[in-house]
PDB file of N, CA and C in Angstrom:
ATOM      1  N   MET A   1       0.819  -1.186   0.000  1.00  0.00           N
ATOM      2  CA  MET A   1       0.000   0.000   0.000  1.00  0.00           C
ATOM      3  C   MET A   1       0.869   1.258   0.000  1.00  0.00           C
ATOM      4  N   GLU A   2       1.913   1.267   0.818  1.00  0.00           N
ATOM      5  CA  GLU A   2       2.771   2.446   0.911  1.00  0.00           C
ATOM      6  C   GLU A   2       3.430   2.771  -0.425  1.00  0.00           C
ATOM      7  N   LYS A   3       3.821   1.745  -1.168  1.00  0.00           N
ATOM      8  CA  LYS A   3       4.467   1.966  -2.461  1.00  0.00           C
ATOM      9  C   LYS A   3       3.509   2.662  -3.422  1.00  0.00           C
ATOM     10  N   PHE A   4       2.243   2.259  -3.421  1.00  0.00           N
ATOM     11  CA  PHE A   4       1.259   2.907  -4.286  1.00  0.00           C
ATOM     12  C   PHE A   4       1.009   4.341  -3.835  1.00  0.00           C
ATOM     13  N   GLU A   5       0.935   4.558  -2.542  1.00  0.00           N
ATOM     14  CA  GLU A   5       0.734   5.917  -2.028  1.00  0.00           C
ATOM     15  C   GLU A   5       1.926   6.805  -2.359  1.00  0.00           C
ATOM     16  N   SER A   6       3.132   6.250  -2.290  1.00  0.00           N
ATOM     17  CA  SER A   6       4.319   7.042  -2.626  1.00  0.00           C
ATOM     18  C   SER A   6       4.364   7.395  -4.109  1.00  0.00           C
ATOM     19  N   GLU A   7       3.601   6.667  -4.904  1.00  0.00           N
ATOM     20  CA  GLU A   7       3.496   6.946  -6.346  1.00  0.00           C
ATOM     21  C   GLU A   7       2.251   7.797  -6.649  1.00  0.00           C
ATOM     22  N   ASN A   8       1.687   8.413  -5.602  1.00  0.00           N
ATOM     23  CA  ASN A   8       0.538   9.325  -5.687  1.00  0.00           C
ATOM     24  C   ASN A   8      -0.784   8.660  -6.058  1.00  0.00           C
ATOM     25  N   PHE A   9      -0.929   7.401  -5.717  1.00  0.00           N
ATOM     26  CA  PHE A   9      -2.217   6.728  -5.866  1.00  0.00           C
ATOM     27  C   PHE A   9      -3.020   6.944  -4.592  1.00  0.00           C
ATOM     28  N   ASP A  10      -4.311   7.160  -4.726  1.00  0.00           N
ATOM     29  CA  ASP A  10      -5.220   7.112  -3.590  1.00  0.00           C
ATOM     30  C   ASP A  10      -5.567   5.645  -3.398  1.00  0.00           C
ATOM     31  N   VAL A  11      -5.377   5.123  -2.204  1.00  0.00           N
ATOM     32  CA  VAL A  11      -5.539   3.704  -1.953  1.00  0.00           C
ATOM     33  C   VAL A  11      -6.683   3.463  -0.971  1.00  0.00           C
ATOM     34  N   LEU A  12      -7.555   2.550  -1.329  1.00  0.00           N
ATOM     35  CA  LEU A  12      -8.581   2.045  -0.429  1.00  0.00           C
ATOM     36  C   LEU A  12      -8.187   0.622  -0.091  1.00  0.00           C
ATOM     37  N   GLN A  13      -8.391   0.226   1.151  1.00  0.00           N
ATOM     38  CA  GLN A  13      -8.004  -1.114   1.566  1.00  0.00           C
ATOM     39  C   GLN A  13      -9.161  -1.764   2.307  1.00  0.00           C
ATOM     40  N   ALA A  14      -9.338  -3.052   2.085  1.00  0.00           N
ATOM     41  CA  ALA A  14     -10.384  -3.809   2.769  1.00  0.00           C
ATOM     42  C   ALA A  14      -9.764  -5.015   3.446  1.00  0.00           C
ATOM     43  N   ILE A  15     -10.349  -5.433   4.565  1.00  0.00           N
ATOM     44  CA  ILE A  15      -9.784  -6.554   5.313  1.00  0.00           C
ATOM     45  C   ILE A  15     -10.385  -7.895   4.925  1.00  0.00           C
ATOM     46  N   ASN A  16     -11.457  -7.864   4.107  1.00  0.00           N
ATOM     47  CA  ASN A  16     -12.063  -9.103   3.637  1.00  0.00           C
ATOM     48  C   ASN A  16     -12.823  -8.846   2.345  1.00  0.00           C
ATOM     49  N   GLY A  17     -13.282  -9.897   1.710  1.00  0.00           N
ATOM     50  CA  GLY A  17     -13.947  -9.771   0.424  1.00  0.00           C
ATOM     51  C   GLY A  17     -15.273  -9.033   0.479  1.00  0.00           C
ATOM     52  N   VAL A  18     -16.023  -9.214   1.549  1.00  0.00           N
ATOM     53  CA  VAL A  18     -17.311  -8.520   1.678  1.00  0.00           C
ATOM     54  C   VAL A  18     -17.082  -7.021   1.767  1.00  0.00           C
ATOM     55  N   GLU A  19     -16.142  -6.618   2.631  1.00  0.00           N
ATOM     56  CA  GLU A  19     -15.814  -5.196   2.771  1.00  0.00           C
ATOM     57  C   GLU A  19     -15.252  -4.640   1.460  1.00  0.00           C
ATOM     58  N   GLY A  20     -14.425  -5.424   0.795  1.00  0.00           N
ATOM     59  CA  GLY A  20     -13.840  -4.989  -0.474  1.00  0.00           C
ATOM     60  C   GLY A  20     -14.894  -4.747  -1.540  1.00  0.00           C
ATOM     61  N   LEU A  21     -15.854  -5.651  -1.640  1.00  0.00           N
ATOM     62  CA  LEU A  21     -16.927  -5.495  -2.620  1.00  0.00           C
ATOM     63  C   LEU A  21     -17.758  -4.258  -2.307  1.00  0.00           C
ATOM     64  N   GLU A  22     -18.134  -4.087  -1.050  1.00  0.00           N
ATOM     65  CA  GLU A  22     -18.926  -2.925  -0.658  1.00  0.00           C
ATOM     66  C   GLU A  22     -18.183  -1.632  -0.951  1.00  0.00           C
ATOM     67  N   SER A  23     -16.908  -1.587  -0.623  1.00  0.00           N
ATOM     68  CA  SER A  23     -16.097  -0.394  -0.867  1.00  0.00           C
ATOM     69  C   SER A  23     -15.963  -0.107  -2.356  1.00  0.00           C
ATOM     70  N   ALA A  24     -15.727  -1.143  -3.137  1.00  0.00           N
ATOM     71  CA  ALA A  24     -15.585  -0.956  -4.582  1.00  0.00           C
ATOM     72  C   ALA A  24     -16.873  -0.409  -5.200  1.00  0.00           C
ATOM     73  N   LEU A  25     -17.997  -0.987  -4.824  1.00  0.00           N
ATOM     74  CA  LEU A  25     -19.272  -0.548  -5.408  1.00  0.00           C
ATOM     75  C   LEU A  25     -19.660   0.848  -4.939  1.00  0.00           C
ATOM     76  N   LYS A  26     -19.214   1.235  -3.761  1.00  0.00           N
ATOM     77  CA  LYS A  26     -19.519   2.572  -3.238  1.00  0.00           C
ATOM     78  C   LYS A  26     -18.564   3.630  -3.789  1.00  0.00           C
ATOM     79  N   ASN A  27     -17.268   3.318  -3.841  1.00  0.00           N
ATOM     80  CA  ASN A  27     -16.239   4.309  -4.165  1.00  0.00           C
ATOM     81  C   ASN A  27     -15.795   4.326  -5.621  1.00  0.00           C
ATOM     82  N   HIS A  28     -16.112   3.294  -6.371  1.00  0.00           N
ATOM     83  CA  HIS A  28     -15.738   3.193  -7.792  1.00  0.00           C
ATOM     84  C   HIS A  28     -14.266   3.538  -8.061  1.00  0.00           C
ATOM     85  N   PRO A  29     -13.341   2.737  -7.520  1.00  0.00           N
ATOM     86  CA  PRO A  29     -11.925   2.997  -7.804  1.00  0.00           C
ATOM     87  C   PRO A  29     -11.609   2.788  -9.278  1.00  0.00           C
ATOM     88  N   ASP A  30     -10.480   3.334  -9.698  1.00  0.00           N
ATOM     89  CA  ASP A  30     -10.064   3.209 -11.098  1.00  0.00           C
ATOM     90  C   ASP A  30      -9.577   1.807 -11.441  1.00  0.00           C
ATOM     91  N   LEU A  31      -9.151   1.050 -10.422  1.00  0.00           N
ATOM     92  CA  LEU A  31      -8.616  -0.297 -10.617  1.00  0.00           C
ATOM     93  C   LEU A  31      -8.718  -1.047  -9.297  1.00  0.00           C
ATOM     94  N   ILE A  32      -8.888  -2.358  -9.375  1.00  0.00           N
ATOM     95  CA  ILE A  32      -8.964  -3.184  -8.177  1.00  0.00           C
ATOM     96  C   ILE A  32      -7.854  -4.223  -8.215  1.00  0.00           C
ATOM     97  N   LEU A  33      -7.064  -4.279  -7.134  1.00  0.00           N
ATOM     98  CA  LEU A  33      -6.109  -5.364  -6.914  1.00  0.00           C
ATOM     99  C   LEU A  33      -6.817  -6.351  -6.005  1.00  0.00           C
ATOM    100  N   LEU A  34      -6.909  -7.594  -6.430  1.00  0.00           N
ATOM    101  CA  LEU A  34      -7.733  -8.571  -5.740  1.00  0.00           C
ATOM    102  C   LEU A  34      -6.956  -9.861  -5.507  1.00  0.00           C
ATOM    103  N   ASP A  35      -6.984 -10.344  -4.277  1.00  0.00           N
ATOM    104  CA  ASP A  35      -6.360 -11.629  -3.949  1.00  0.00           C
ATOM    105  C   ASP A  35      -7.426 -12.710  -4.022  1.00  0.00           C
ATOM    106  N   ILE A  36      -7.029 -13.943  -4.187  1.00  0.00           N
ATOM    107  CA  ILE A  36      -7.984 -15.056  -4.175  1.00  0.00           C
ATOM    108  C   ILE A  36      -8.330 -15.431  -2.737  1.00  0.00           C
ATOM    109  N   ILE A  37      -7.314 -15.534  -1.889  1.00  0.00           N
ATOM    110  CA  ILE A  37      -7.519 -15.962  -0.514  1.00  0.00           C
ATOM    111  C   ILE A  37      -7.832 -14.744   0.352  1.00  0.00           C
ATOM    112  N   MET A  38      -9.111 -14.639   0.761  1.00  0.00           N
ATOM    113  CA  MET A  38      -9.561 -13.563   1.645  1.00  0.00           C
ATOM    114  C   MET A  38     -10.642 -14.121   2.564  1.00  0.00           C
ATOM    115  N   PRO A  39     -10.747 -13.575   3.775  1.00  0.00           N
ATOM    116  CA  PRO A  39     -11.816 -14.024   4.664  1.00  0.00           C
ATOM    117  C   PRO A  39     -13.190 -13.553   4.199  1.00  0.00           C
ATOM    118  N   LYS A  40     -14.209 -14.228   4.654  1.00  0.00           N
ATOM    119  CA  LYS A  40     -15.635 -13.939   4.443  1.00  0.00           C
ATOM    120  C   LYS A  40     -16.105 -14.156   3.011  1.00  0.00           C
ATOM    121  N   MET A  41     -15.340 -13.739   2.021  1.00  0.00           N
ATOM    122  CA  MET A  41     -15.676 -13.945   0.607  1.00  0.00           C
ATOM    123  C   MET A  41     -14.356 -13.990  -0.149  1.00  0.00           C
ATOM    124  N   ASP A  42     -14.084 -15.101  -0.827  1.00  0.00           N
ATOM    125  CA  ASP A  42     -12.808 -15.174  -1.541  1.00  0.00           C
ATOM    126  C   ASP A  42     -12.828 -14.297  -2.787  1.00  0.00           C
ATOM    127  N   GLY A  43     -11.669 -14.116  -3.373  1.00  0.00           N
ATOM    128  CA  GLY A  43     -11.532 -13.212  -4.502  1.00  0.00           C
ATOM    129  C   GLY A  43     -12.353 -13.610  -5.717  1.00  0.00           C
ATOM    130  N   THR A  44     -12.492 -14.903  -5.956  1.00  0.00           N
ATOM    131  CA  THR A  44     -13.283 -15.360  -7.096  1.00  0.00           C
ATOM    132  C   THR A  44     -14.756 -15.033  -6.887  1.00  0.00           C
ATOM    133  N   ALA A  45     -15.265 -15.267  -5.685  1.00  0.00           N
ATOM    134  CA  ALA A  45     -16.662 -14.926  -5.384  1.00  0.00           C
ATOM    135  C   ALA A  45     -16.878 -13.415  -5.466  1.00  0.00           C
ATOM    136  N   MET A  46     -15.918 -12.646  -4.948  1.00  0.00           N
ATOM    137  CA  MET A  46     -16.033 -11.188  -5.035  1.00  0.00           C
ATOM    138  C   MET A  46     -16.045 -10.727  -6.486  1.00  0.00           C
ATOM    139  N   LEU A  47     -15.203 -11.323  -7.288  1.00  0.00           N
ATOM    140  CA  LEU A  47     -15.140 -10.978  -8.702  1.00  0.00           C
ATOM    141  C   LEU A  47     -16.470 -11.264  -9.396  1.00  0.00           C
ATOM    142  N   HIS A  48     -17.070 -12.411  -9.087  1.00  0.00           N
ATOM    143  CA  HIS A  48     -18.392 -12.744  -9.646  1.00  0.00           C
ATOM    144  C   HIS A  48     -19.408 -11.660  -9.299  1.00  0.00           C
ATOM    145  N   GLU A  49     -19.442 -11.276  -8.024  1.00  0.00           N
ATOM    146  CA  GLU A  49     -20.398 -10.264  -7.573  1.00  0.00           C
ATOM    147  C   GLU A  49     -20.098  -8.907  -8.196  1.00  0.00           C
ATOM    148  N   LEU A  50     -18.843  -8.553  -8.268  1.00  0.00           N
ATOM    149  CA  LEU A  50     -18.433  -7.276  -8.854  1.00  0.00           C
ATOM    150  C   LEU A  50     -18.893  -7.165 -10.304  1.00  0.00           C
ATOM    151  N   LYS A  51     -18.731  -8.226 -11.056  1.00  0.00           N
ATOM    152  CA  LYS A  51     -19.056  -8.201 -12.478  1.00  0.00           C
ATOM    153  C   LYS A  51     -20.567  -8.242 -12.740  1.00  0.00           C
ATOM    154  N   ARG A  52     -21.373  -8.469 -11.695  1.00  0.00           N
ATOM    155  CA  ARG A  52     -22.836  -8.400 -11.839  1.00  0.00           C
ATOM    156  C   ARG A  52     -23.315  -6.947 -11.859  1.00  0.00           C
ATOM    157  N   ASP A  53     -22.483  -6.039 -11.379  1.00  0.00           N
ATOM    158  CA  ASP A  53     -22.803  -4.615 -11.331  1.00  0.00           C
ATOM    159  C   ASP A  53     -22.395  -3.947 -12.648  1.00  0.00           C
ATOM    160  N   HIS A  54     -23.185  -2.991 -13.127  1.00  0.00           N
ATOM    161  CA  HIS A  54     -22.876  -2.325 -14.399  1.00  0.00           C
ATOM    162  C   HIS A  54     -21.490  -1.670 -14.356  1.00  0.00           C
ATOM    163  N   TRP A  55     -21.212  -0.911 -13.304  1.00  0.00           N
ATOM    164  CA  TRP A  55     -19.890  -0.288 -13.192  1.00  0.00           C
ATOM    165  C   TRP A  55     -18.812  -1.363 -13.078  1.00  0.00           C
ATOM    166  N   GLY A  56     -19.075  -2.385 -12.277  1.00  0.00           N
ATOM    167  CA  GLY A  56     -18.102  -3.443 -12.034  1.00  0.00           C
ATOM    168  C   GLY A  56     -17.715  -4.224 -13.276  1.00  0.00           C
ATOM    169  N   GLN A  57     -18.578  -4.210 -14.274  1.00  0.00           N
ATOM    170  CA  GLN A  57     -18.274  -4.906 -15.527  1.00  0.00           C
ATOM    171  C   GLN A  57     -17.129  -4.238 -16.281  1.00  0.00           C
ATOM    172  N   HIS A  58     -16.855  -2.971 -15.957  1.00  0.00           N
ATOM    173  CA  HIS A  58     -15.890  -2.208 -16.739  1.00  0.00           C
ATOM    174  C   HIS A  58     -14.612  -1.836 -15.979  1.00  0.00           C
ATOM    175  N   VAL A  59     -14.608  -2.004 -14.668  1.00  0.00           N
ATOM    176  CA  VAL A  59     -13.420  -1.637 -13.895  1.00  0.00           C
ATOM    177  C   VAL A  59     -12.307  -2.662 -14.129  1.00  0.00           C
ATOM    178  N   PRO A  60     -11.081  -2.186 -14.347  1.00  0.00           N
ATOM    179  CA  PRO A  60      -9.970  -3.127 -14.475  1.00  0.00           C
ATOM    180  C   PRO A  60      -9.712  -3.847 -13.151  1.00  0.00           C
ATOM    181  N   VAL A  61      -9.479  -5.151 -13.237  1.00  0.00           N
ATOM    182  CA  VAL A  61      -9.192  -5.957 -12.052  1.00  0.00           C
ATOM    183  C   VAL A  61      -7.902  -6.731 -12.287  1.00  0.00           C
ATOM    184  N   VAL A  62      -6.996  -6.600 -11.337  1.00  0.00           N
ATOM    185  CA  VAL A  62      -5.752  -7.359 -11.355  1.00  0.00           C
ATOM    186  C   VAL A  62      -5.819  -8.361 -10.212  1.00  0.00           C
ATOM    187  N   MET A  63      -5.783  -9.625 -10.540  1.00  0.00           N
ATOM    188  CA  MET A  63      -5.739 -10.678  -9.527  1.00  0.00           C
ATOM    189  C   MET A  63      -4.281 -10.809  -9.113  1.00  0.00           C
ATOM    190  N   LEU A  64      -3.992 -10.479  -7.867  1.00  0.00           N
ATOM    191  CA  LEU A  64      -2.634 -10.502  -7.332  1.00  0.00           C
ATOM    192  C   LEU A  64      -2.619 -11.505  -6.187  1.00  0.00           C
ATOM    193  N   THR A  65      -2.026 -12.664  -6.418  1.00  0.00           N
ATOM    194  CA  THR A  65      -2.151 -13.770  -5.484  1.00  0.00           C
ATOM    195  C   THR A  65      -0.886 -14.611  -5.455  1.00  0.00           C
ATOM    196  N   ASN A  66      -0.814 -15.503  -4.505  1.00  0.00           N
ATOM    197  CA  ASN A  66       0.291 -16.465  -4.459  1.00  0.00           C
ATOM    198  C   ASN A  66      -0.112 -17.805  -5.042  1.00  0.00           C
ATOM    199  N   ILE A  67      -1.307 -17.901  -5.560  1.00  0.00           N
ATOM    200  CA  ILE A  67      -1.795 -19.153  -6.130  1.00  0.00           C
ATOM    201  C   ILE A  67      -1.504 -19.186  -7.629  1.00  0.00           C
ATOM    202  N   SER A  68      -0.625 -20.090  -8.026  1.00  0.00           N
ATOM    203  CA  SER A  68      -0.298 -20.236  -9.449  1.00  0.00           C
ATOM    204  C   SER A  68      -0.942 -21.517  -9.955  1.00  0.00           C
ATOM    205  N   ASP A  69      -2.251 -21.465 -10.093  1.00  0.00           N
ATOM    206  CA  ASP A  69      -3.046 -22.628 -10.468  1.00  0.00           C
ATOM    207  C   ASP A  69      -3.735 -22.335 -11.799  1.00  0.00           C
ATOM    208  N   ALA A  70      -3.499 -23.178 -12.792  1.00  0.00           N
ATOM    209  CA  ALA A  70      -4.060 -22.941 -14.125  1.00  0.00           C
ATOM    210  C   ALA A  70      -5.585 -22.895 -14.097  1.00  0.00           C
ATOM    211  N   GLY A  71      -6.218 -23.690 -13.274  1.00  0.00           N
ATOM    212  CA  GLY A  71      -7.672 -23.691 -13.176  1.00  0.00           C
ATOM    213  C   GLY A  71      -8.202 -22.385 -12.625  1.00  0.00           C
ATOM    214  N   ARG A  72      -7.538 -21.878 -11.577  1.00  0.00           N
ATOM    215  CA  ARG A  72      -7.949 -20.584 -10.991  1.00  0.00           C
ATOM    216  C   ARG A  72      -7.739 -19.458 -11.989  1.00  0.00           C
ATOM    217  N   LEU A  73      -6.625 -19.506 -12.711  1.00  0.00           N
ATOM    218  CA  LEU A  73      -6.352 -18.496 -13.725  1.00  0.00           C
ATOM    219  C   LEU A  73      -7.428 -18.524 -14.795  1.00  0.00           C
ATOM    220  N   ALA A  74      -7.761 -19.694 -15.301  1.00  0.00           N
ATOM    221  CA  ALA A  74      -8.776 -19.814 -16.349  1.00  0.00           C
ATOM    222  C   ALA A  74     -10.129 -19.286 -15.863  1.00  0.00           C
ATOM    223  N   GLU A  75     -10.496 -19.628 -14.627  1.00  0.00           N
ATOM    224  CA  GLU A  75     -11.772 -19.154 -14.083  1.00  0.00           C
ATOM    225  C   GLU A  75     -11.780 -17.636 -13.955  1.00  0.00           C
ATOM    226  N   ALA A  76     -10.696 -17.055 -13.434  1.00  0.00           N
ATOM    227  CA  ALA A  76     -10.618 -15.600 -13.271  1.00  0.00           C
ATOM    228  C   ALA A  76     -10.667 -14.894 -14.622  1.00  0.00           C
ATOM    229  N   LEU A  77      -9.987 -15.441 -15.614  1.00  0.00           N
ATOM    230  CA  LEU A  77     -10.013 -14.842 -16.954  1.00  0.00           C
ATOM    231  C   LEU A  77     -11.415 -14.912 -17.554  1.00  0.00           C
ATOM    232  N   GLU A  78     -12.101 -16.014 -17.320  1.00  0.00           N
ATOM    233  CA  GLU A  78     -13.458 -16.180 -17.840  1.00  0.00           C
ATOM    234  C   GLU A  78     -14.419 -15.171 -17.206  1.00  0.00           C
ATOM    235  N   ILE A  79     -14.249 -14.927 -15.917  1.00  0.00           N
ATOM    236  CA  ILE A  79     -15.109 -13.968 -15.220  1.00  0.00           C
ATOM    237  C   ILE A  79     -14.811 -12.553 -15.695  1.00  0.00           C
ATOM    238  N   GLY A  80     -13.543 -12.262 -15.931  1.00  0.00           N
ATOM    239  CA  GLY A  80     -13.206 -10.947 -16.463  1.00  0.00           C
ATOM    240  C   GLY A  80     -12.174 -10.175 -15.684  1.00  0.00           C
ATOM    241  N   ILE A  81     -10.938 -10.654 -15.665  1.00  0.00           N
ATOM    242  CA  ILE A  81      -9.847  -9.891 -15.074  1.00  0.00           C
ATOM    243  C   ILE A  81      -8.953  -9.379 -16.192  1.00  0.00           C
ATOM    244  N   ASP A  82      -8.149  -8.383 -15.853  1.00  0.00           N
ATOM    245  CA  ASP A  82      -7.224  -7.820 -16.826  1.00  0.00           C
ATOM    246  C   ASP A  82      -5.833  -8.429 -16.726  1.00  0.00           C
ATOM    247  N   GLU A  83      -5.463  -8.828 -15.522  1.00  0.00           N
ATOM    248  CA  GLU A  83      -4.148  -9.445 -15.293  1.00  0.00           C
ATOM    249  C   GLU A  83      -4.260 -10.454 -14.164  1.00  0.00           C
ATOM    250  N   TYR A  84      -3.409 -11.456 -14.191  1.00  0.00           N
ATOM    251  CA  TYR A  84      -3.291 -12.432 -13.105  1.00  0.00           C
ATOM    252  C   TYR A  84      -1.812 -12.492 -12.764  1.00  0.00           C
ATOM    253  N   LEU A  85      -1.446 -11.934 -11.623  1.00  0.00           N
ATOM    254  CA  LEU A  85      -0.045 -11.863 -11.241  1.00  0.00           C
ATOM    255  C   LEU A  85       0.198 -12.703  -9.993  1.00  0.00           C
ATOM    256  N   VAL A  86       1.204 -13.547 -10.043  1.00  0.00           N
ATOM    257  CA  VAL A  86       1.603 -14.339  -8.886  1.00  0.00           C
ATOM    258  C   VAL A  86       2.621 -13.510  -8.099  1.00  0.00           C
ATOM    259  N   LYS A  87       2.283 -13.184  -6.860  1.00  0.00           N
ATOM    260  CA  LYS A  87       3.093 -12.282  -6.036  1.00  0.00           C
ATOM    261  C   LYS A  87       4.564 -12.670  -5.999  1.00  0.00           C
ATOM    262  N   ALA A  88       4.844 -13.942  -5.854  1.00  0.00           N
ATOM    263  CA  ALA A  88       6.229 -14.409  -5.724  1.00  0.00           C
ATOM    264  C   ALA A  88       7.057 -14.144  -6.979  1.00  0.00           C
ATOM    265  N   GLU A  89       6.396 -13.920  -8.091  1.00  0.00           N
ATOM    266  CA  GLU A  89       7.099 -13.727  -9.362  1.00  0.00           C
ATOM    267  C   GLU A  89       7.273 -12.258  -9.734  1.00  0.00           C
ATOM    268  N   TRP A  90       6.761 -11.343  -8.902  1.00  0.00           N
ATOM    269  CA  TRP A  90       6.787  -9.917  -9.227  1.00  0.00           C
ATOM    270  C   TRP A  90       7.368  -9.103  -8.076  1.00  0.00           C
ATOM    271  N   LYS A  91       8.154  -8.110  -8.402  1.00  0.00           N
ATOM    272  CA  LYS A  91       8.604  -7.133  -7.410  1.00  0.00           C
ATOM    273  C   LYS A  91       7.536  -6.053  -7.324  1.00  0.00           C
ATOM    274  N   LEU A  92       7.416  -5.445  -6.159  1.00  0.00           N
ATOM    275  CA  LEU A  92       6.383  -4.444  -5.941  1.00  0.00           C
ATOM    276  C   LEU A  92       6.484  -3.293  -6.937  1.00  0.00           C
ATOM    277  N   LYS A  93       7.687  -2.839  -7.229  1.00  0.00           N
ATOM    278  CA  LYS A  93       7.842  -1.731  -8.179  1.00  0.00           C
ATOM    279  C   LYS A  93       7.330  -2.126  -9.574  1.00  0.00           C
ATOM    280  N   ASP A  94       7.476  -3.395  -9.929  1.00  0.00           N
ATOM    281  CA  ASP A  94       6.985  -3.868 -11.225  1.00  0.00           C
ATOM    282  C   ASP A  94       5.464  -3.975 -11.242  1.00  0.00           C
ATOM    283  N   ILE A  95       4.870  -4.321 -10.098  1.00  0.00           N
ATOM    284  CA  ILE A  95       3.410  -4.345 -10.005  1.00  0.00           C
ATOM    285  C   ILE A  95       2.860  -2.940 -10.167  1.00  0.00           C
ATOM    286  N   VAL A  96       3.497  -1.970  -9.528  1.00  0.00           N
ATOM    287  CA  VAL A  96       3.070  -0.568  -9.663  1.00  0.00           C
ATOM    288  C   VAL A  96       3.159  -0.129 -11.124  1.00  0.00           C
ATOM    289  N   GLU A  97       4.235  -0.478 -11.790  1.00  0.00           N
ATOM    290  CA  GLU A  97       4.394  -0.123 -13.206  1.00  0.00           C
ATOM    291  C   GLU A  97       3.312  -0.791 -14.060  1.00  0.00           C
ATOM    292  N   ARG A  98       2.983  -2.021 -13.742  1.00  0.00           N
ATOM    293  CA  ARG A  98       1.935  -2.741 -14.487  1.00  0.00           C
ATOM    294  C   ARG A  98       0.586  -2.067 -14.302  1.00  0.00           C
ATOM    295  N   VAL A  99       0.286  -1.651 -13.077  1.00  0.00           N
ATOM    296  CA  VAL A  99      -0.957  -0.928 -12.792  1.00  0.00           C
ATOM    297  C   VAL A  99      -0.996   0.381 -13.576  1.00  0.00           C
ATOM    298  N   LYS A 100       0.106   1.103 -13.601  1.00  0.00           N
ATOM    299  CA  LYS A 100       0.169   2.357 -14.368  1.00  0.00           C
ATOM    300  C   LYS A 100      -0.100   2.096 -15.853  1.00  0.00           C
ATOM    301  N   LYS A 101       0.459   1.023 -16.365  1.00  0.00           N
ATOM    302  CA  LYS A 101       0.252   0.696 -17.770  1.00  0.00           C
ATOM    303  C   LYS A 101      -1.224   0.392 -18.051  1.00  0.00           C
ATOM    304  N   ILE A 102      -1.852  -0.393 -17.183  1.00  0.00           N
ATOM    305  CA  ILE A 102      -3.263  -0.717 -17.354  1.00  0.00           C
ATOM    306  C   ILE A 102      -4.117   0.546 -17.316  1.00  0.00           C
ATOM    307  N   LEU A 103      -3.754   1.468 -16.431  1.00  0.00           N
ATOM    308  CA  LEU A 103      -4.514   2.720 -16.294  1.00  0.00           C
ATOM    309  C   LEU A 103      -4.156   3.757 -17.363  1.00  0.00           C
ATOM    310  N   GLY A 104      -3.140   3.449 -18.137  1.00  0.00           N
ATOM    311  CA  GLY A 104      -2.744   4.371 -19.211  1.00  0.00           C
ATOM    312  C   GLY A 104      -2.012   5.598 -18.703  1.00  0.00           C
ATOM    313  N   ILE A 105      -1.297   5.481 -17.578  1.00  0.00           N
ATOM    314  CA  ILE A 105      -0.580   6.631 -17.034  1.00  0.00           C
ATOM    315  C   ILE A 105       0.937   6.416 -17.052  1.00  0.00           C
ATOM    316  N   LEU A 106       1.387   5.494 -17.837  1.00  0.00           N
ATOM    317  CA  LEU A 106       2.824   5.214 -17.928  1.00  0.00           C
ATOM    318  C   LEU A 106       3.378   5.808 -19.181  1.00  0.00           C
TER     319      LEU A 106
END
């Protein structure tokens, strides 16, 4: 979070999938970083719910997780994500650059 803030991003943070979904639908962020493993509602379930909303159908979503599972990747792509990044394979500065590219600010 601090790295994104130091790059002048306004950051919203949620402690679980239910809170994350509510915050996203209320605040309409420009992009969502979403993990698969979250309490109360996992990232895949949150993604399903998000994409049921008109605004949510168009917001860029980056799945950022430690799960490198082809089945999970295929499901997330089918639901509608823009990127699937495995945390262990990316440095934080590279994730920030990827987000900037998706948002068209790079």
